[in-house]
């Protein structure tokens, strides 16, 4: 099973509420091939800002040995891109640059509260 760690202020697309989130997390930990769920994660390399994975790809054994840090969950690819755009806007407003990784790292140290992000 893949090892997933979740951002304290997990970004959620509009179609995912708290109840649905708990079901998704449970499903991903039991059998990570839930169709129609996209995960935004910190990338495994230094050159990218974020990665977007369709959860069905987590069935690959590679992810059993390489844990993912999940920043956001969306119900489709378009919503996942919308979350990336929202994070980029927040980063620009807070830092004046496009350092998404650094902005998110600062959030890892903040409150353990999950927040819903509405795509605009």
Protein backbone atom coordinates (compact mmCIF):
# COMPACT_ATOMS: atom_id res chain seq x y z
CA UNK A 1 0.00 0.00 0.00
CA UNK A 2 1.26 3.49 -0.76
CA UNK A 3 2.33 5.67 2.11
CA UNK A 4 0.49 8.99 2.07
CA UNK A 5 1.06 11.91 4.39
CA UNK A 6 -1.39 14.80 4.29
CA UNK A 7 -0.77 18.55 4.43
CA UNK A 8 -2.20 20.05 7.66
CA UNK A 9 -4.30 22.55 5.67
CA UNK A 10 -5.30 20.15 2.90
CA UNK A 11 -6.68 21.85 -0.21
CA UNK A 12 -9.95 20.39 -1.46
CA UNK A 13 -11.83 20.99 -4.67
CA UNK A 14 -15.38 22.24 -4.49
CA UNK A 15 -16.93 18.78 -4.94
CA UNK A 16 -15.22 17.27 -1.89
CA UNK A 17 -16.68 17.91 1.54
CA UNK A 18 -15.34 16.71 4.91
CA UNK A 19 -17.46 13.52 4.90
CA UNK A 20 -16.40 12.63 1.37
CA UNK A 21 -12.78 13.42 2.27
CA UNK A 22 -12.74 10.84 5.05
CA UNK A 23 -14.15 8.21 2.69
CA UNK A 24 -11.54 9.08 0.06
CA UNK A 25 -8.68 8.87 2.56
CA UNK A 26 -9.93 5.52 3.81
CA UNK A 27 -10.28 4.22 0.27
CA UNK A 28 -6.79 5.41 -0.70
CA UNK A 29 -5.22 3.68 2.28
CA UNK A 30 -7.09 0.43 1.58
CA UNK A 31 -6.98 0.26 -2.19
CA UNK A 32 -5.51 3.24 -4.01
CA UNK A 33 -7.33 2.88 -7.28
CA UNK A 34 -10.39 5.00 -6.66
CA UNK A 35 -11.34 6.39 -10.06
CA UNK A 36 -11.94 10.07 -10.42
CA UNK A 37 -9.71 11.24 -7.58
CA UNK A 38 -6.66 13.37 -8.24
CA UNK A 39 -3.93 14.08 -5.72
CA UNK A 40 -1.69 17.15 -5.68
CA UNK A 41 1.63 16.26 -4.10
CA UNK A 42 5.03 17.71 -3.44
CA UNK A 43 7.28 16.52 -6.28
CA UNK A 44 10.04 13.99 -5.94
CA UNK A 45 12.56 16.25 -7.66
CA UNK A 46 13.90 19.74 -7.04
CA UNK A 47 12.86 21.28 -10.36
CA UNK A 48 9.06 20.91 -10.16
CA UNK A 49 6.62 22.83 -7.96
CA UNK A 50 3.79 20.26 -7.58
CA UNK A 51 2.73 16.97 -9.13
CA UNK A 52 -0.80 15.86 -10.02
CA UNK A 53 -1.55 12.13 -9.87
CA UNK A 54 -4.70 10.27 -10.70
CA UNK A 55 -5.07 8.00 -7.68
CA UNK A 56 -5.26 4.84 -9.79
CA UNK A 57 -1.53 5.19 -10.50
CA UNK A 58 -0.76 4.63 -6.83
CA UNK A 59 -1.29 0.90 -7.43
CA UNK A 60 2.26 0.76 -8.75
CA UNK A 61 4.69 -0.77 -6.27
CA UNK A 62 6.99 2.23 -6.66
CA UNK A 63 4.68 4.23 -4.39
CA UNK A 64 4.91 1.60 -1.65
CA UNK A 65 8.58 2.55 -1.27
CA UNK A 66 8.31 6.26 -2.10
CA UNK A 67 5.80 8.05 0.13
CA UNK A 68 3.84 11.01 -1.20
CA UNK A 69 3.04 14.20 0.64
CA UNK A 70 -0.50 15.14 -0.41
CA UNK A 71 -1.22 18.87 -0.61
CA UNK A 72 -4.68 18.66 -2.16
CA UNK A 73 -7.42 16.35 -3.40
CA UNK A 74 -9.72 17.00 -6.35
CA UNK A 75 -12.54 15.13 -8.05
CA UNK A 76 -11.16 15.67 -11.56
CA UNK A 77 -8.10 16.95 -13.39
CA UNK A 78 -9.59 20.39 -14.10
CA UNK A 79 -10.34 20.88 -10.41
CA UNK A 80 -6.78 19.81 -9.56
CA UNK A 81 -5.40 22.46 -11.92
CA UNK A 82 -7.76 24.96 -10.29
CA UNK A 83 -6.23 24.16 -6.90
CA UNK A 84 -2.73 24.71 -8.32
CA UNK A 85 -3.89 28.09 -9.63
CA UNK A 86 -5.33 28.97 -6.22
CA UNK A 87 -2.07 28.02 -4.48
CA UNK A 88 -0.13 30.12 -7.01
CA UNK A 89 -2.38 33.14 -6.32
CA UNK A 90 -1.99 32.67 -2.56
CA UNK A 91 1.77 32.34 -2.94
CA UNK A 92 2.01 35.50 -5.02
CA UNK A 93 -0.13 37.43 -2.52
CA UNK A 94 1.88 36.20 0.48
CA UNK A 95 5.41 36.19 -0.93
CA UNK A 96 5.42 38.19 -4.15
CA UNK A 97 6.97 35.28 -6.04
CA UNK A 98 6.10 31.84 -7.42
CA UNK A 99 7.84 29.78 -4.72
CA UNK A 100 4.97 27.35 -4.17
CA UNK A 101 7.12 24.81 -2.36
CA UNK A 102 8.43 27.39 0.09
CA UNK A 103 4.94 28.82 0.65
CA UNK A 104 3.53 25.36 1.33
CA UNK A 105 6.46 24.48 3.62
CA UNK A 106 5.55 27.46 5.79
CA UNK A 107 1.99 26.09 5.97
CA UNK A 108 3.28 22.73 7.17
CA UNK A 109 4.37 24.44 10.36
CA UNK A 110 1.05 26.22 10.92
CA UNK A 111 -2.29 25.08 12.32
CA UNK A 112 -3.55 21.52 11.90
CA UNK A 113 -6.76 22.76 10.34
CA UNK A 114 -7.97 21.58 6.96
CA UNK A 115 -9.41 24.25 4.71
CA UNK A 116 -11.71 24.01 1.70
CA UNK A 117 -10.57 25.95 -1.35
CA UNK A 118 -13.25 26.94 -3.84
CA UNK A 119 -12.09 27.06 -7.44
CA UNK A 120 -12.63 30.43 -9.06
